[in-house]
Amino acid sequence: METLDPGAAIPGYTAPVHRALTEQILLGGAPRSVAIVNGTLAGAVGLGLRLWLVGLLIWAVGHAAAVWAARRDPQFLEVGRRHMRYPAFLRA
C-alpha cells in the first residue's frame, strides 16, 4: 500500500492564485486606507485651518512613516488591529 506525502503535489489538481488576491493595495507605497486617512487629515488642516505648511508636513511625515512600515511588513495595519483586540495575556 502506497502512502501519499502531504507536501507532494497531486497531478491534475492545481489552482491559479492571482497576485491581486495575495498582495496589499498600496497608494504610493503606503496601505490604501492609511494613505486616504493621512491625506484627508492633511487636507483638513491645510485647507480648513489654512495652515498650508503644517498640512504638507503632516502629509509628508505620515506618508513616509506609512511607506516605511509597509516595506517592513505589508500587513502592519491588520497586525496592529489584532494586537489591540486581544489582551496582553490569556488566563488558563
N, C-alpha and C. Protein backbone atom coordinates (compact mmCIF):
# COMPACT_ATOMS: atom_id res chain seq x y z
N MET A 1 0.84 -1.17 0.00
CA MET A 1 0.00 0.00 0.00
C MET A 1 0.89 1.24 0.00
N GLU A 2 0.57 2.18 -0.85
CA GLU A 2 1.38 3.38 -1.01
C GLU A 2 0.75 4.54 -0.23
N THR A 3 1.57 5.26 0.53
CA THR A 3 1.07 6.42 1.27
C THR A 3 1.48 7.69 0.53
N LEU A 4 0.65 8.69 0.63
CA LEU A 4 0.92 9.96 -0.02
C LEU A 4 1.67 10.89 0.91
N ASP A 5 2.61 11.59 0.33
CA ASP A 5 3.34 12.60 1.08
C ASP A 5 2.46 13.85 1.16
N PRO A 6 2.23 14.42 2.36
CA PRO A 6 1.34 15.58 2.46
C PRO A 6 1.85 16.79 1.70
N GLY A 7 3.15 16.90 1.48
CA GLY A 7 3.69 18.05 0.78
C GLY A 7 3.79 17.86 -0.72
N ALA A 8 3.50 16.65 -1.22
CA ALA A 8 3.63 16.37 -2.64
C ALA A 8 2.42 16.91 -3.40
N ALA A 9 2.68 17.38 -4.61
CA ALA A 9 1.61 17.88 -5.46
C ALA A 9 0.86 16.71 -6.08
N ILE A 10 -0.45 16.84 -6.16
CA ILE A 10 -1.28 15.82 -6.79
C ILE A 10 -1.47 16.22 -8.24
N PRO A 11 -1.13 15.36 -9.18
CA PRO A 11 -1.26 15.72 -10.59
C PRO A 11 -2.72 16.00 -10.95
N GLY A 12 -2.93 17.07 -11.70
CA GLY A 12 -4.27 17.41 -12.17
C GLY A 12 -5.05 18.31 -11.23
N TYR A 13 -4.55 18.55 -10.04
CA TYR A 13 -5.25 19.39 -9.07
C TYR A 13 -4.42 20.64 -8.78
N THR A 14 -4.58 21.63 -9.60
CA THR A 14 -3.89 22.90 -9.41
C THR A 14 -4.91 24.02 -9.51
N ALA A 15 -4.63 25.09 -8.84
CA ALA A 15 -5.49 26.28 -8.90
C ALA A 15 -4.59 27.50 -9.00
N PRO A 16 -4.85 28.36 -9.98
CA PRO A 16 -4.03 29.56 -10.08
C PRO A 16 -4.38 30.55 -8.97
N VAL A 17 -3.37 31.17 -8.42
CA VAL A 17 -3.57 32.21 -7.41
C VAL A 17 -3.04 33.51 -8.01
N HIS A 18 -3.93 34.46 -8.20
CA HIS A 18 -3.56 35.72 -8.83
C HIS A 18 -2.93 36.66 -7.80
N ARG A 19 -2.03 37.50 -8.26
CA ARG A 19 -1.34 38.43 -7.37
C ARG A 19 -2.31 39.38 -6.68
N ALA A 20 -3.39 39.74 -7.36
CA ALA A 20 -4.34 40.68 -6.79
C ALA A 20 -5.01 40.12 -5.54
N LEU A 21 -5.03 38.81 -5.39
CA LEU A 21 -5.65 38.20 -4.21
C LEU A 21 -4.71 38.09 -3.03
N THR A 22 -3.42 38.21 -3.26
CA THR A 22 -2.45 37.99 -2.19
C THR A 22 -1.71 39.25 -1.77
N GLU A 23 -1.62 40.25 -2.62
CA GLU A 23 -0.85 41.45 -2.29
C GLU A 23 -1.74 42.55 -1.74
N GLN A 24 -1.16 43.39 -0.92
CA GLN A 24 -1.89 44.51 -0.33
C GLN A 24 -2.09 45.60 -1.38
N ILE A 25 -3.16 46.37 -1.24
CA ILE A 25 -3.42 47.50 -2.13
C ILE A 25 -2.67 48.71 -1.56
N LEU A 26 -1.73 49.24 -2.34
CA LEU A 26 -0.91 50.34 -1.88
C LEU A 26 -1.15 51.58 -2.73
N LEU A 27 -1.10 52.74 -2.11
CA LEU A 27 -1.14 54.03 -2.81
C LEU A 27 0.18 54.74 -2.52
N GLY A 28 1.03 54.84 -3.51
CA GLY A 28 2.32 55.47 -3.31
C GLY A 28 3.20 54.74 -2.32
N GLY A 29 3.01 53.43 -2.19
CA GLY A 29 3.82 52.63 -1.29
C GLY A 29 3.24 52.46 0.10
N ALA A 30 2.17 53.20 0.41
CA ALA A 30 1.52 53.09 1.73
C ALA A 30 0.21 52.34 1.56
N PRO A 31 -0.25 51.65 2.60
CA PRO A 31 -1.55 50.98 2.51
C PRO A 31 -2.65 51.98 2.16
N ARG A 32 -3.60 51.54 1.36
CA ARG A 32 -4.63 52.42 0.82
C ARG A 32 -5.40 53.16 1.92
N SER A 33 -5.84 52.46 2.94
CA SER A 33 -6.64 53.11 3.99
C SER A 33 -5.82 54.15 4.76
N VAL A 34 -4.55 53.84 5.02
CA VAL A 34 -3.70 54.79 5.74
C VAL A 34 -3.44 56.02 4.87
N ALA A 35 -3.21 55.83 3.59
CA ALA A 35 -2.96 56.95 2.69
C ALA A 35 -4.18 57.86 2.59
N ILE A 36 -5.38 57.27 2.55
CA ILE A 36 -6.60 58.07 2.46
C ILE A 36 -6.82 58.87 3.74
N VAL A 37 -6.67 58.23 4.89
CA VAL A 37 -6.85 58.93 6.17
C VAL A 37 -5.80 60.02 6.33
N ASN A 38 -4.57 59.73 5.98
CA ASN A 38 -3.48 60.70 6.09
C ASN A 38 -3.73 61.90 5.18
N GLY A 39 -4.13 61.65 3.94
CA GLY A 39 -4.42 62.74 3.02
C GLY A 39 -5.61 63.58 3.45
N THR A 40 -6.64 62.93 4.00
CA THR A 40 -7.81 63.66 4.48
C THR A 40 -7.45 64.55 5.67
N LEU A 41 -6.68 64.01 6.60
CA LEU A 41 -6.26 64.80 7.76
C LEU A 41 -5.39 65.98 7.34
N ALA A 42 -4.44 65.73 6.46
CA ALA A 42 -3.56 66.80 5.99
C ALA A 42 -4.35 67.84 5.20
N GLY A 43 -5.31 67.39 4.39
CA GLY A 43 -6.15 68.33 3.65
C GLY A 43 -7.03 69.17 4.56
N ALA A 44 -7.57 68.56 5.61
CA ALA A 44 -8.41 69.31 6.55
C ALA A 44 -7.60 70.38 7.28
N VAL A 45 -6.39 70.04 7.67
CA VAL A 45 -5.54 71.02 8.34
C VAL A 45 -5.09 72.09 7.36
N GLY A 46 -4.66 71.66 6.17
CA GLY A 46 -4.14 72.61 5.19
C GLY A 46 -5.19 73.54 4.61
N LEU A 47 -6.35 72.99 4.28
CA LEU A 47 -7.39 73.80 3.66
C LEU A 47 -8.35 74.40 4.69
N GLY A 48 -8.76 73.60 5.65
CA GLY A 48 -9.75 74.07 6.62
C GLY A 48 -9.19 75.08 7.59
N LEU A 49 -8.01 74.83 8.10
CA LEU A 49 -7.40 75.75 9.06
C LEU A 49 -6.45 76.74 8.40
N ARG A 50 -6.27 76.60 7.10
CA ARG A 50 -5.39 77.47 6.31
C ARG A 50 -3.95 77.44 6.81
N LEU A 51 -3.53 76.26 7.24
CA LEU A 51 -2.14 76.07 7.66
C LEU A 51 -1.47 75.18 6.62
N TRP A 52 -1.07 75.77 5.51
CA TRP A 52 -0.56 75.01 4.37
C TRP A 52 0.69 74.22 4.73
N LEU A 53 1.63 74.89 5.37
CA LEU A 53 2.89 74.20 5.67
C LEU A 53 2.69 73.08 6.68
N VAL A 54 1.83 73.29 7.66
CA VAL A 54 1.57 72.24 8.65
C VAL A 54 0.87 71.06 7.97
N GLY A 55 -0.07 71.34 7.07
CA GLY A 55 -0.75 70.27 6.33
C GLY A 55 0.21 69.46 5.47
N LEU A 56 1.10 70.15 4.78
CA LEU A 56 2.10 69.45 3.97
C LEU A 56 3.05 68.64 4.84
N LEU A 57 3.41 69.18 6.00
CA LEU A 57 4.30 68.46 6.91
C LEU A 57 3.61 67.21 7.46
N ILE A 58 2.33 67.33 7.84
CA ILE A 58 1.58 66.17 8.32
C ILE A 58 1.51 65.10 7.24
N TRP A 59 1.22 65.53 6.01
CA TRP A 59 1.12 64.56 4.91
C TRP A 59 2.47 63.87 4.66
N ALA A 60 3.55 64.66 4.57
CA ALA A 60 4.86 64.09 4.24
C ALA A 60 5.35 63.14 5.33
N VAL A 61 5.24 63.53 6.57
CA VAL A 61 5.71 62.68 7.67
C VAL A 61 4.83 61.44 7.79
N GLY A 62 3.52 61.61 7.71
CA GLY A 62 2.60 60.47 7.81
C GLY A 62 2.79 59.49 6.67
N HIS A 63 2.95 60.00 5.46
CA HIS A 63 3.12 59.11 4.32
C HIS A 63 4.47 58.39 4.38
N ALA A 64 5.51 59.11 4.77
CA ALA A 64 6.83 58.48 4.89
C ALA A 64 6.81 57.38 5.95
N ALA A 65 6.14 57.63 7.07
CA ALA A 65 6.05 56.60 8.12
C ALA A 65 5.25 55.40 7.64
N ALA A 66 4.17 55.63 6.89
CA ALA A 66 3.36 54.52 6.39
C ALA A 66 4.13 53.71 5.35
N VAL A 67 4.88 54.36 4.49
CA VAL A 67 5.68 53.65 3.49
C VAL A 67 6.77 52.83 4.18
N TRP A 68 7.42 53.41 5.18
CA TRP A 68 8.45 52.68 5.93
C TRP A 68 7.87 51.44 6.60
N ALA A 69 6.70 51.60 7.23
CA ALA A 69 6.08 50.46 7.91
C ALA A 69 5.62 49.41 6.90
N ALA A 70 5.10 49.83 5.75
CA ALA A 70 4.64 48.88 4.74
C ALA A 70 5.80 48.12 4.11
N ARG A 71 6.95 48.72 4.01
CA ARG A 71 8.12 48.00 3.49
C ARG A 71 8.58 46.92 4.46
N ARG A 72 8.49 47.22 5.73
CA ARG A 72 8.90 46.22 6.74
C ARG A 72 7.87 45.11 6.87
N ASP A 73 6.58 45.44 6.86
CA ASP A 73 5.51 44.45 6.98
C ASP A 73 4.28 44.99 6.26
N PRO A 74 3.96 44.46 5.07
CA PRO A 74 2.83 44.98 4.30
C PRO A 74 1.48 44.86 5.03
N GLN A 75 1.38 43.99 6.01
CA GLN A 75 0.12 43.82 6.73
C GLN A 75 0.21 44.40 8.14
N PHE A 76 0.98 45.47 8.32
CA PHE A 76 1.18 46.01 9.66
C PHE A 76 -0.12 46.56 10.25
N LEU A 77 -1.03 47.02 9.42
CA LEU A 77 -2.28 47.56 9.93
C LEU A 77 -3.16 46.45 10.53
N GLU A 78 -3.27 45.33 9.84
CA GLU A 78 -4.07 44.21 10.35
C GLU A 78 -3.43 43.62 11.61
N VAL A 79 -2.10 43.55 11.62
CA VAL A 79 -1.41 43.03 12.80
C VAL A 79 -1.63 43.97 13.99
N GLY A 80 -1.59 45.27 13.76
CA GLY A 80 -1.83 46.23 14.84
C GLY A 80 -3.25 46.15 15.38
N ARG A 81 -4.22 46.00 14.49
CA ARG A 81 -5.61 45.85 14.94
C ARG A 81 -5.78 44.59 15.78
N ARG A 82 -5.21 43.49 15.34
CA ARG A 82 -5.31 42.24 16.08
C ARG A 82 -4.59 42.35 17.43
N HIS A 83 -3.47 43.04 17.44
CA HIS A 83 -2.73 43.22 18.69
C HIS A 83 -3.55 44.02 19.70
N MET A 84 -4.29 45.02 19.25
CA MET A 84 -5.10 45.84 20.15
C MET A 84 -6.35 45.10 20.62
N ARG A 85 -6.85 44.17 19.83
CA ARG A 85 -8.09 43.47 20.15
C ARG A 85 -7.89 42.43 21.24
N TYR A 86 -6.78 41.70 21.20
CA TYR A 86 -6.56 40.62 22.16
C TYR A 86 -5.83 41.14 23.39
N PRO A 87 -6.11 40.57 24.56
CA PRO A 87 -5.42 41.03 25.77
C PRO A 87 -3.95 40.64 25.75
N ALA A 88 -3.19 41.29 26.64
CA ALA A 88 -1.75 41.03 26.69
C ALA A 88 -1.45 39.63 27.21
N PHE A 89 -2.36 39.06 27.97
CA PHE A 89 -2.16 37.70 28.47
C PHE A 89 -3.50 36.98 28.46
N LEU A 90 -3.44 35.69 28.40
CA LEU A 90 -4.65 34.87 28.42
C LEU A 90 -4.63 34.03 29.69
N ARG A 91 -5.71 34.06 30.40
CA ARG A 91 -5.80 33.26 31.63
C ARG A 91 -6.09 31.82 31.28
N ALA A 92 -5.38 30.91 31.93
CA ALA A 92 -5.57 29.49 31.65
C ALA A 92 -6.34 28.82 32.78
